[in-house]
Amino acid sequence: MALKSLLTATMAASSLLVSSTLASDLDSTTNLAVYYGQGPYQQRLADFCQQTSMDIIPIAFVHIFPEQGKGGYPGTNFGNQCSSEMYKNENGVETELLKDCHQIAEDIPLCQAAGKKILLSLGGGATSNYKLTTDQAALDFADFLWGAFGPKTVAWGNKPRPFGDVVVDGFDFDIEYNGDFGEMAFLPR
């Protein structure tokens, strides 16, 4: 059952990425996707984007989903690329969502100008804390991610934007959770 859920999520996620990867040659056998963001001593994202061999770079990871996160927010871990400051929710509760990711925010536009597709990766290692237990939780999380990492809107107001005004090209699902994580409601959003 877990394999079926993973396969379904992978196929659905792949279809969502088609529009965001059109600049890459989808017929090519040389497109290369390389994860970035988990190293304690890693170079900046822009350094990787200067390498011509890489086409798609998922930034890893949103590894805690809101239902399991502190203060109802997701949690992020991008290695050494953000400060240790976390967002606080509307009630002043500190969350696990990294607040100051200025290096990534500075580098994403450089990467995009170089023709690289920058995705935000959800999930990660099997020990990560993520699961969506209801369709409504999945929809709320999808809306949160779009507000926080998609195009900036007036409606989003002063809610979290870890990369400032910068927009990622799409989302990557690296779901290693052994079970249904609520993707069927999440993916179409």
N, C-alpha and C. Protein backbone atom coordinates (compact mmCIF):
# COMPACT_ATOMS: atom_id res chain seq x y z
N MET A 1 0.83 -1.20 0.00
CA MET A 1 0.00 0.00 0.00
C MET A 1 0.87 1.26 0.00
N ALA A 2 1.96 1.24 0.79
CA ALA A 2 2.84 2.40 0.85
C ALA A 2 3.49 2.64 -0.50
N LEU A 3 3.89 1.57 -1.19
CA LEU A 3 4.49 1.70 -2.51
C LEU A 3 3.50 2.32 -3.49
N LYS A 4 2.24 1.89 -3.41
CA LYS A 4 1.21 2.44 -4.29
C LYS A 4 1.03 3.94 -4.02
N SER A 5 1.01 4.33 -2.75
CA SER A 5 0.86 5.75 -2.40
C SER A 5 2.06 6.55 -2.90
N LEU A 6 3.25 6.00 -2.74
CA LEU A 6 4.45 6.69 -3.19
C LEU A 6 4.45 6.83 -4.70
N LEU A 7 4.06 5.78 -5.40
CA LEU A 7 4.00 5.82 -6.86
C LEU A 7 2.97 6.86 -7.32
N THR A 8 1.82 6.87 -6.69
CA THR A 8 0.78 7.85 -7.03
C THR A 8 1.28 9.27 -6.80
N ALA A 9 1.91 9.49 -5.66
CA ALA A 9 2.43 10.82 -5.34
C ALA A 9 3.51 11.24 -6.33
N THR A 10 4.38 10.31 -6.68
CA THR A 10 5.45 10.61 -7.62
C THR A 10 4.90 10.98 -8.99
N MET A 11 3.93 10.21 -9.47
CA MET A 11 3.35 10.50 -10.78
C MET A 11 2.62 11.84 -10.77
N ALA A 12 1.87 12.09 -9.72
CA ALA A 12 1.13 13.35 -9.64
C ALA A 12 2.09 14.54 -9.52
N ALA A 13 3.12 14.38 -8.70
CA ALA A 13 4.09 15.45 -8.54
C ALA A 13 4.83 15.71 -9.84
N SER A 14 5.15 14.65 -10.55
CA SER A 14 5.84 14.81 -11.84
C SER A 14 4.99 15.60 -12.81
N SER A 15 3.70 15.35 -12.82
CA SER A 15 2.83 16.09 -13.75
C SER A 15 2.76 17.56 -13.37
N LEU A 16 2.88 17.87 -12.08
CA LEU A 16 2.86 19.27 -11.66
C LEU A 16 4.13 20.00 -12.07
N LEU A 17 5.21 19.26 -12.19
CA LEU A 17 6.48 19.88 -12.50
C LEU A 17 6.69 20.13 -13.98
N VAL A 18 5.89 19.53 -14.83
CA VAL A 18 6.09 19.68 -16.26
C VAL A 18 6.10 21.14 -16.67
N SER A 19 5.14 21.92 -16.19
CA SER A 19 5.10 23.32 -16.60
C SER A 19 6.28 24.11 -16.06
N SER A 20 6.80 23.72 -14.90
CA SER A 20 7.91 24.48 -14.34
C SER A 20 9.25 24.04 -14.89
N THR A 21 9.30 22.95 -15.64
CA THR A 21 10.57 22.49 -16.19
C THR A 21 10.63 22.60 -17.69
N LEU A 22 9.72 23.36 -18.29
CA LEU A 22 9.70 23.46 -19.74
C LEU A 22 10.98 24.06 -20.30
N ALA A 23 11.68 24.88 -19.53
CA ALA A 23 12.92 25.44 -20.03
C ALA A 23 13.98 24.36 -20.18
N SER A 24 13.88 23.29 -19.41
CA SER A 24 14.75 22.14 -19.58
C SER A 24 14.22 21.36 -20.77
N ASP A 25 15.10 20.63 -21.41
CA ASP A 25 14.69 19.82 -22.55
C ASP A 25 14.14 18.50 -22.04
N LEU A 26 12.81 18.38 -22.00
CA LEU A 26 12.18 17.18 -21.43
C LEU A 26 12.46 15.93 -22.25
N ASP A 27 12.83 16.09 -23.51
CA ASP A 27 13.16 14.94 -24.34
C ASP A 27 14.62 14.53 -24.18
N SER A 28 15.37 15.34 -23.49
CA SER A 28 16.79 15.06 -23.31
C SER A 28 17.00 13.94 -22.30
N THR A 29 18.04 13.18 -22.52
CA THR A 29 18.41 12.15 -21.54
C THR A 29 19.48 12.68 -20.60
N THR A 30 19.78 13.97 -20.71
CA THR A 30 20.85 14.53 -19.89
C THR A 30 20.39 15.50 -18.82
N ASN A 31 19.08 15.69 -18.62
CA ASN A 31 18.63 16.55 -17.53
C ASN A 31 19.10 15.96 -16.22
N LEU A 32 19.64 16.81 -15.36
CA LEU A 32 20.18 16.34 -14.09
C LEU A 32 19.57 17.16 -12.96
N ALA A 33 18.97 16.46 -12.00
CA ALA A 33 18.43 17.10 -10.80
C ALA A 33 19.33 16.72 -9.63
N VAL A 34 19.74 17.72 -8.85
CA VAL A 34 20.64 17.50 -7.73
C VAL A 34 20.07 18.22 -6.51
N TYR A 35 19.88 17.48 -5.41
CA TYR A 35 19.37 18.08 -4.18
C TYR A 35 20.42 18.99 -3.55
N TYR A 36 19.94 20.06 -2.92
CA TYR A 36 20.81 21.02 -2.27
C TYR A 36 20.20 21.41 -0.92
N GLY A 37 21.06 21.60 0.08
CA GLY A 37 20.56 22.21 1.30
C GLY A 37 20.79 21.48 2.60
N GLN A 38 21.44 20.35 2.61
CA GLN A 38 21.55 19.62 3.86
C GLN A 38 22.96 19.60 4.45
N GLY A 39 23.92 20.18 3.78
CA GLY A 39 25.29 20.12 4.28
C GLY A 39 25.62 21.19 5.30
N PRO A 40 26.34 20.82 6.37
CA PRO A 40 26.71 21.81 7.37
C PRO A 40 27.79 22.77 6.87
N TYR A 41 28.56 22.38 5.85
CA TYR A 41 29.63 23.22 5.31
C TYR A 41 29.46 23.44 3.81
N GLN A 42 28.24 23.36 3.33
CA GLN A 42 28.00 23.45 1.89
C GLN A 42 28.27 24.85 1.35
N GLN A 43 28.62 24.89 0.07
CA GLN A 43 28.79 26.16 -0.62
C GLN A 43 27.42 26.78 -0.86
N ARG A 44 27.42 28.01 -1.28
CA ARG A 44 26.17 28.69 -1.59
C ARG A 44 25.51 28.06 -2.81
N LEU A 45 24.21 28.22 -2.89
CA LEU A 45 23.43 27.70 -4.01
C LEU A 45 23.95 28.23 -5.34
N ALA A 46 24.31 29.50 -5.40
CA ALA A 46 24.79 30.11 -6.65
C ALA A 46 26.01 29.39 -7.19
N ASP A 47 26.86 28.86 -6.30
CA ASP A 47 28.04 28.11 -6.76
C ASP A 47 27.63 26.88 -7.55
N PHE A 48 26.58 26.20 -7.10
CA PHE A 48 26.11 25.01 -7.80
C PHE A 48 25.43 25.39 -9.12
N CYS A 49 24.80 26.53 -9.15
CA CYS A 49 24.09 26.95 -10.36
C CYS A 49 25.03 27.35 -11.47
N GLN A 50 26.28 27.63 -11.15
CA GLN A 50 27.27 27.95 -12.17
C GLN A 50 27.73 26.71 -12.93
N GLN A 51 27.46 25.53 -12.37
CA GLN A 51 27.84 24.29 -13.03
C GLN A 51 26.82 23.99 -14.13
N THR A 52 27.28 23.83 -15.33
CA THR A 52 26.37 23.64 -16.46
C THR A 52 25.72 22.28 -16.47
N SER A 53 26.23 21.32 -15.72
CA SER A 53 25.67 19.96 -15.76
C SER A 53 24.35 19.84 -15.02
N MET A 54 24.04 20.77 -14.13
CA MET A 54 22.81 20.68 -13.34
C MET A 54 21.69 21.47 -14.00
N ASP A 55 20.50 20.86 -14.07
CA ASP A 55 19.35 21.51 -14.69
C ASP A 55 18.28 21.89 -13.67
N ILE A 56 18.07 21.03 -12.68
CA ILE A 56 17.00 21.19 -11.69
C ILE A 56 17.61 21.01 -10.31
N ILE A 57 17.34 21.96 -9.41
CA ILE A 57 17.90 21.87 -8.07
C ILE A 57 16.78 21.99 -7.04
N PRO A 58 16.38 20.86 -6.44
CA PRO A 58 15.42 20.92 -5.33
C PRO A 58 16.15 21.34 -4.05
N ILE A 59 15.65 22.38 -3.39
CA ILE A 59 16.21 22.83 -2.13
C ILE A 59 15.56 22.01 -1.02
N ALA A 60 16.40 21.36 -0.21
CA ALA A 60 15.91 20.41 0.77
C ALA A 60 16.14 20.93 2.20
N PHE A 61 15.20 20.79 3.03
CA PHE A 61 13.88 20.21 2.98
C PHE A 61 12.89 21.00 3.82
N VAL A 62 11.61 20.91 3.45
CA VAL A 62 10.51 21.18 4.38
C VAL A 62 10.24 19.80 4.98
N HIS A 63 10.83 19.56 6.13
CA HIS A 63 10.86 18.21 6.71
C HIS A 63 9.87 18.00 7.85
N ILE A 64 9.17 19.05 8.23
CA ILE A 64 8.13 18.94 9.27
C ILE A 64 6.87 19.57 8.70
N PHE A 65 5.78 18.85 8.74
CA PHE A 65 4.52 19.37 8.22
C PHE A 65 3.76 20.05 9.36
N PRO A 66 2.84 20.96 9.05
CA PRO A 66 2.20 21.79 10.08
C PRO A 66 1.55 21.03 11.23
N GLU A 67 0.93 19.89 10.95
CA GLU A 67 0.26 19.16 12.03
C GLU A 67 1.24 18.65 13.08
N GLN A 68 2.49 18.41 12.68
CA GLN A 68 3.49 17.92 13.61
C GLN A 68 4.42 19.03 14.09
N GLY A 69 4.36 20.19 13.46
CA GLY A 69 5.27 21.29 13.77
C GLY A 69 4.81 22.12 14.96
N LYS A 70 5.74 22.85 15.51
CA LYS A 70 5.44 23.76 16.61
C LYS A 70 4.62 24.94 16.09
N GLY A 71 3.59 25.29 16.81
CA GLY A 71 2.80 26.47 16.47
C GLY A 71 1.98 26.34 15.20
N GLY A 72 1.83 25.12 14.69
CA GLY A 72 1.01 24.91 13.51
C GLY A 72 1.67 25.28 12.19
N TYR A 73 2.98 25.53 12.21
CA TYR A 73 3.72 25.86 10.99
C TYR A 73 4.56 24.65 10.57
N PRO A 74 4.95 24.60 9.30
CA PRO A 74 5.91 23.57 8.90
C PRO A 74 7.30 23.92 9.42
N GLY A 75 8.19 22.96 9.35
CA GLY A 75 9.58 23.19 9.73
C GLY A 75 10.49 23.00 8.54
N THR A 76 11.59 23.77 8.51
CA THR A 76 12.54 23.68 7.41
C THR A 76 13.94 23.43 7.93
N ASN A 77 14.76 22.84 7.05
CA ASN A 77 16.18 22.62 7.34
C ASN A 77 16.92 22.74 6.02
N PHE A 78 17.69 23.80 5.87
CA PHE A 78 18.45 24.02 4.64
C PHE A 78 19.95 24.03 4.92
N GLY A 79 20.38 23.22 5.89
CA GLY A 79 21.80 23.15 6.22
C GLY A 79 22.27 24.47 6.80
N ASN A 80 23.41 24.96 6.31
CA ASN A 80 24.01 26.18 6.85
C ASN A 80 23.57 27.44 6.11
N GLN A 81 22.48 27.40 5.37
CA GLN A 81 22.11 28.53 4.51
C GLN A 81 21.12 29.51 5.12
N CYS A 82 20.72 29.31 6.34
CA CYS A 82 19.79 30.23 7.02
C CYS A 82 20.30 30.50 8.42
N SER A 83 19.87 31.60 9.00
CA SER A 83 20.20 31.84 10.41
C SER A 83 19.37 30.88 11.26
N SER A 84 19.61 30.89 12.54
CA SER A 84 18.86 30.00 13.42
C SER A 84 17.54 30.61 13.90
N GLU A 85 17.25 31.83 13.47
CA GLU A 85 16.01 32.49 13.88
C GLU A 85 14.80 31.83 13.23
N MET A 86 13.77 31.60 14.03
CA MET A 86 12.54 30.95 13.56
C MET A 86 11.39 31.96 13.56
N TYR A 87 10.43 31.71 12.67
CA TYR A 87 9.21 32.51 12.68
C TYR A 87 8.40 32.20 13.93
N LYS A 88 7.64 33.19 14.37
CA LYS A 88 6.65 32.99 15.43
C LYS A 88 5.29 33.05 14.77
N ASN A 89 4.35 32.24 15.27
CA ASN A 89 3.00 32.27 14.70
C ASN A 89 2.24 33.49 15.23
N GLU A 90 0.99 33.61 14.83
CA GLU A 90 0.18 34.78 15.21
C GLU A 90 -0.04 34.90 16.71
N ASN A 91 0.20 33.82 17.47
CA ASN A 91 0.06 33.85 18.92
C ASN A 91 1.40 34.04 19.63
N GLY A 92 2.47 34.27 18.86
CA GLY A 92 3.79 34.48 19.44
C GLY A 92 4.55 33.21 19.76
N VAL A 93 4.04 32.06 19.34
CA VAL A 93 4.72 30.78 19.59
C VAL A 93 5.81 30.58 18.54
N GLU A 94 7.03 30.31 19.02
CA GLU A 94 8.12 30.05 18.08
C GLU A 94 7.88 28.74 17.35
N THR A 95 8.08 28.76 16.04
CA THR A 95 7.85 27.59 15.19
C THR A 95 9.20 26.99 14.79
N GLU A 96 9.17 26.06 13.84
CA GLU A 96 10.40 25.46 13.32
C GLU A 96 10.65 25.87 11.86
N LEU A 97 10.01 26.97 11.45
CA LEU A 97 10.18 27.51 10.11
C LEU A 97 11.28 28.57 10.15
N LEU A 98 12.39 28.27 9.47
CA LEU A 98 13.52 29.19 9.45
C LEU A 98 13.12 30.53 8.85
N LYS A 99 13.57 31.61 9.50
CA LYS A 99 13.12 32.94 9.11
C LYS A 99 14.08 33.65 8.15
N ASP A 100 15.35 33.63 8.43
CA ASP A 100 16.30 34.42 7.65
C ASP A 100 17.13 33.52 6.75
N CYS A 101 16.68 33.38 5.52
CA CYS A 101 17.38 32.56 4.53
C CYS A 101 17.87 33.46 3.40
N HIS A 102 18.56 34.55 3.77
CA HIS A 102 18.94 35.56 2.78
C HIS A 102 19.91 35.03 1.72
N GLN A 103 20.77 34.08 2.08
CA GLN A 103 21.70 33.55 1.07
C GLN A 103 20.94 32.82 -0.03
N ILE A 104 19.98 32.01 0.35
CA ILE A 104 19.18 31.30 -0.65
C ILE A 104 18.35 32.30 -1.45
N ALA A 105 17.78 33.28 -0.76
CA ALA A 105 16.96 34.29 -1.44
C ALA A 105 17.78 35.09 -2.45
N GLU A 106 19.04 35.36 -2.13
CA GLU A 106 19.91 36.08 -3.07
C GLU A 106 20.30 35.20 -4.26
N ASP A 107 20.45 33.90 -4.02
CA ASP A 107 20.98 33.01 -5.04
C ASP A 107 19.92 32.46 -6.01
N ILE A 108 18.69 32.30 -5.57
CA ILE A 108 17.66 31.73 -6.45
C ILE A 108 17.52 32.52 -7.75
N PRO A 109 17.41 33.86 -7.72
CA PRO A 109 17.28 34.58 -8.99
C PRO A 109 18.49 34.40 -9.91
N LEU A 110 19.69 34.28 -9.33
CA LEU A 110 20.89 34.04 -10.14
C LEU A 110 20.80 32.69 -10.83
N CYS A 111 20.31 31.70 -10.09
CA CYS A 111 20.15 30.35 -10.64
C CYS A 111 19.10 30.35 -11.75
N GLN A 112 18.00 31.00 -11.50
CA GLN A 112 16.93 31.05 -12.49
C GLN A 112 17.40 31.78 -13.75
N ALA A 113 18.19 32.83 -13.59
CA ALA A 113 18.73 33.55 -14.75
C ALA A 113 19.69 32.67 -15.55
N ALA A 114 20.31 31.69 -14.88
CA ALA A 114 21.22 30.76 -15.55
C ALA A 114 20.46 29.58 -16.16
N GLY A 115 19.12 29.62 -16.09
CA GLY A 115 18.31 28.57 -16.70
C GLY A 115 18.05 27.36 -15.82
N LYS A 116 18.40 27.46 -14.54
CA LYS A 116 18.16 26.35 -13.61
C LYS A 116 16.75 26.47 -13.03
N LYS A 117 16.10 25.33 -12.84
CA LYS A 117 14.80 25.30 -12.18
C LYS A 117 15.04 25.02 -10.70
N ILE A 118 14.50 25.86 -9.83
CA ILE A 118 14.69 25.74 -8.39
C ILE A 118 13.37 25.30 -7.77
N LEU A 119 13.39 24.14 -7.16
CA LEU A 119 12.20 23.57 -6.52
C LEU A 119 12.39 23.57 -5.01
N LEU A 120 11.30 23.58 -4.28
CA LEU A 120 11.34 23.41 -2.83
C LEU A 120 10.94 21.97 -2.55
N SER A 121 11.81 21.23 -1.87
CA SER A 121 11.56 19.81 -1.64
C SER A 121 10.87 19.58 -0.30
N LEU A 122 9.80 18.80 -0.34
CA LEU A 122 9.03 18.45 0.85
C LEU A 122 9.35 17.02 1.24
N GLY A 123 9.51 16.78 2.52
CA GLY A 123 9.73 15.42 3.00
C GLY A 123 11.14 15.24 3.49
N GLY A 124 11.83 14.30 2.85
CA GLY A 124 13.20 14.02 3.24
C GLY A 124 13.32 12.68 3.91
N GLY A 125 14.36 12.53 4.70
CA GLY A 125 14.68 11.26 5.34
C GLY A 125 13.54 10.64 6.10
N ALA A 126 13.63 9.32 6.21
CA ALA A 126 12.56 8.54 6.85
C ALA A 126 12.33 8.96 8.29
N THR A 127 13.31 9.60 8.92
CA THR A 127 13.13 10.02 10.32
C THR A 127 12.49 11.40 10.42
N SER A 128 12.20 12.02 9.28
CA SER A 128 11.56 13.33 9.31
C SER A 128 10.14 13.21 9.84
N ASN A 129 9.60 14.35 10.26
CA ASN A 129 8.30 14.38 10.92
C ASN A 129 7.27 15.03 10.00
N TYR A 130 6.66 14.21 9.14
CA TYR A 130 5.67 14.76 8.23
C TYR A 130 4.55 13.78 7.95
N LYS A 131 3.34 14.32 7.95
CA LYS A 131 2.15 13.54 7.65
C LYS A 131 0.98 14.51 7.59
N LEU A 132 0.09 14.28 6.65
CA LEU A 132 -1.15 15.06 6.55
C LEU A 132 -2.29 14.11 6.87
N THR A 133 -3.04 14.39 7.92
CA THR A 133 -4.04 13.42 8.38
C THR A 133 -5.44 13.65 7.82
N THR A 134 -5.69 14.84 7.28
CA THR A 134 -7.02 15.11 6.72
C THR A 134 -6.87 15.85 5.39
N ASP A 135 -7.90 15.80 4.58
CA ASP A 135 -7.89 16.55 3.33
C ASP A 135 -7.76 18.05 3.60
N GLN A 136 -8.42 18.54 4.64
CA GLN A 136 -8.35 19.97 4.96
C GLN A 136 -6.94 20.36 5.37
N ALA A 137 -6.26 19.51 6.14
CA ALA A 137 -4.87 19.79 6.52
C ALA A 137 -3.99 19.86 5.28
N ALA A 138 -4.24 18.98 4.31
CA ALA A 138 -3.47 18.98 3.06
C ALA A 138 -3.70 20.27 2.28
N LEU A 139 -4.95 20.69 2.18
CA LEU A 139 -5.27 21.93 1.46
C LEU A 139 -4.67 23.15 2.15
N ASP A 140 -4.75 23.18 3.48
CA ASP A 140 -4.19 24.30 4.23
C ASP A 140 -2.67 24.38 4.04
N PHE A 141 -2.02 23.22 4.05
CA PHE A 141 -0.56 23.18 3.87
C PHE A 141 -0.19 23.64 2.46
N ALA A 142 -0.92 23.17 1.46
CA ALA A 142 -0.65 23.60 0.08
C ALA A 142 -0.80 25.11 -0.04
N ASP A 143 -1.83 25.67 0.57
CA ASP A 143 -2.03 27.12 0.53
C ASP A 143 -0.90 27.85 1.25
N PHE A 144 -0.45 27.29 2.38
CA PHE A 144 0.65 27.90 3.13
C PHE A 144 1.92 27.93 2.28
N LEU A 145 2.24 26.80 1.66
CA LEU A 145 3.46 26.74 0.83
C LEU A 145 3.39 27.73 -0.33
N TRP A 146 2.24 27.82 -0.97
CA TRP A 146 2.08 28.75 -2.08
C TRP A 146 2.24 30.20 -1.59
N GLY A 147 1.65 30.50 -0.44
CA GLY A 147 1.78 31.85 0.11
C GLY A 147 3.20 32.18 0.54
N ALA A 148 3.89 31.22 1.12
CA ALA A 148 5.23 31.45 1.65
C ALA A 148 6.32 31.40 0.59
N PHE A 149 6.13 30.59 -0.46
CA PHE A 149 7.20 30.38 -1.44
C PHE A 149 6.79 30.66 -2.88
N GLY A 150 5.49 30.89 -3.11
CA GLY A 150 5.00 31.23 -4.45
C GLY A 150 5.03 32.74 -4.65
N PRO A 151 4.34 33.22 -5.67
CA PRO A 151 4.31 34.67 -5.92
C PRO A 151 3.73 35.43 -4.73
N LYS A 152 4.37 36.52 -4.37
CA LYS A 152 3.91 37.33 -3.24
C LYS A 152 2.59 38.01 -3.61
N THR A 153 1.64 37.96 -2.68
CA THR A 153 0.34 38.58 -2.90
C THR A 153 -0.04 39.47 -1.72
N VAL A 154 -0.92 40.41 -1.98
CA VAL A 154 -1.44 41.27 -0.92
C VAL A 154 -2.21 40.43 0.09
N ALA A 155 -2.94 39.43 -0.39
CA ALA A 155 -3.75 38.58 0.49
C ALA A 155 -2.89 37.85 1.52
N TRP A 156 -1.65 37.51 1.17
CA TRP A 156 -0.77 36.79 2.11
C TRP A 156 -0.32 37.71 3.23
N GLY A 157 -0.29 39.00 2.98
CA GLY A 157 0.03 39.98 4.01
C GLY A 157 1.43 39.82 4.58
N ASN A 158 1.51 39.85 5.91
CA ASN A 158 2.79 39.76 6.61
C ASN A 158 3.10 38.36 7.10
N LYS A 159 2.50 37.37 6.50
CA LYS A 159 2.77 35.99 6.89
C LYS A 159 4.16 35.59 6.40
N PRO A 160 4.68 34.46 6.88
CA PRO A 160 6.06 34.06 6.57
C PRO A 160 6.39 33.97 5.08
N ARG A 161 7.58 34.48 4.74
CA ARG A 161 8.17 34.36 3.41
C ARG A 161 9.68 34.19 3.62
N PRO A 162 10.13 32.95 3.90
CA PRO A 162 11.54 32.71 4.22
C PRO A 162 12.53 33.20 3.16
N PHE A 163 12.10 33.25 1.89
CA PHE A 163 12.98 33.72 0.82
C PHE A 163 12.60 35.13 0.36
N GLY A 164 11.86 35.86 1.19
CA GLY A 164 11.44 37.21 0.83
C GLY A 164 10.51 37.21 -0.38
N ASP A 165 10.79 38.07 -1.33
CA ASP A 165 9.95 38.19 -2.53
C ASP A 165 10.29 37.14 -3.59
N VAL A 166 11.32 36.36 -3.36
CA VAL A 166 11.77 35.37 -4.34
C VAL A 166 10.77 34.21 -4.42
N VAL A 167 10.58 33.70 -5.64
CA VAL A 167 9.60 32.65 -5.91
C VAL A 167 10.31 31.41 -6.43
N VAL A 168 10.00 30.24 -5.87
CA VAL A 168 10.55 28.99 -6.40
C VAL A 168 9.77 28.60 -7.66
N ASP A 169 10.37 27.73 -8.47
CA ASP A 169 9.75 27.31 -9.73
C ASP A 169 8.73 26.18 -9.55
N GLY A 170 8.72 25.55 -8.40
CA GLY A 170 7.80 24.44 -8.17
C GLY A 170 8.18 23.71 -6.90
N PHE A 171 7.57 22.56 -6.72
CA PHE A 171 7.76 21.77 -5.51
C PHE A 171 8.12 20.34 -5.87
N ASP A 172 8.96 19.75 -5.04
CA ASP A 172 9.42 18.37 -5.21
C ASP A 172 8.92 17.58 -4.01
N PHE A 173 8.46 16.37 -4.26
CA PHE A 173 7.96 15.51 -3.19
C PHE A 173 8.92 14.35 -2.97
N ASP A 174 9.71 14.43 -1.90
CA ASP A 174 10.63 13.36 -1.53
C ASP A 174 10.03 12.67 -0.30
N ILE A 175 8.91 12.04 -0.50
CA ILE A 175 8.15 11.45 0.61
C ILE A 175 8.68 10.05 0.89
N GLU A 176 9.30 9.91 2.05
CA GLU A 176 9.83 8.62 2.47
C GLU A 176 9.05 8.05 3.64
N TYR A 177 7.98 8.75 3.99
CA TYR A 177 7.09 8.30 5.06
C TYR A 177 6.40 7.02 4.60
N ASN A 178 6.39 6.01 5.42
CA ASN A 178 5.81 4.71 5.07
C ASN A 178 4.32 4.71 5.35
N GLY A 179 3.57 5.29 4.46
CA GLY A 179 2.12 5.35 4.62
C GLY A 179 1.57 6.47 3.77
N ASP A 180 0.28 6.65 3.85
CA ASP A 180 -0.39 7.70 3.09
C ASP A 180 -0.14 9.02 3.81
N PHE A 181 0.40 10.02 3.11
CA PHE A 181 0.68 11.29 3.77
C PHE A 181 -0.32 12.37 3.42
N GLY A 182 -1.39 12.05 2.72
CA GLY A 182 -2.42 13.02 2.40
C GLY A 182 -2.24 13.70 1.06
N GLU A 183 -1.45 13.07 0.20
CA GLU A 183 -1.10 13.69 -1.07
C GLU A 183 -2.27 13.87 -2.03
N MET A 184 -3.29 13.06 -1.92
CA MET A 184 -4.37 13.12 -2.91
C MET A 184 -5.13 14.45 -2.84
N ALA A 185 -5.26 15.04 -1.68
CA ALA A 185 -5.89 16.36 -1.58
C ALA A 185 -4.88 17.47 -1.85
N PHE A 186 -3.64 17.23 -1.49
CA PHE A 186 -2.58 18.24 -1.59
C PHE A 186 -2.18 18.52 -3.03
N LEU A 187 -1.94 17.50 -3.80
CA LEU A 187 -1.33 17.64 -5.13
C LEU A 187 -2.12 18.49 -6.12
N PRO A 188 -3.42 18.34 -6.23
CA PRO A 188 -4.13 19.15 -7.23
C PRO A 188 -4.15 20.64 -6.89
N ARG A 189 -3.94 20.98 -5.63
CA ARG A 189 -4.02 22.37 -5.18
C ARG A 189 -2.92 23.15 -5.85
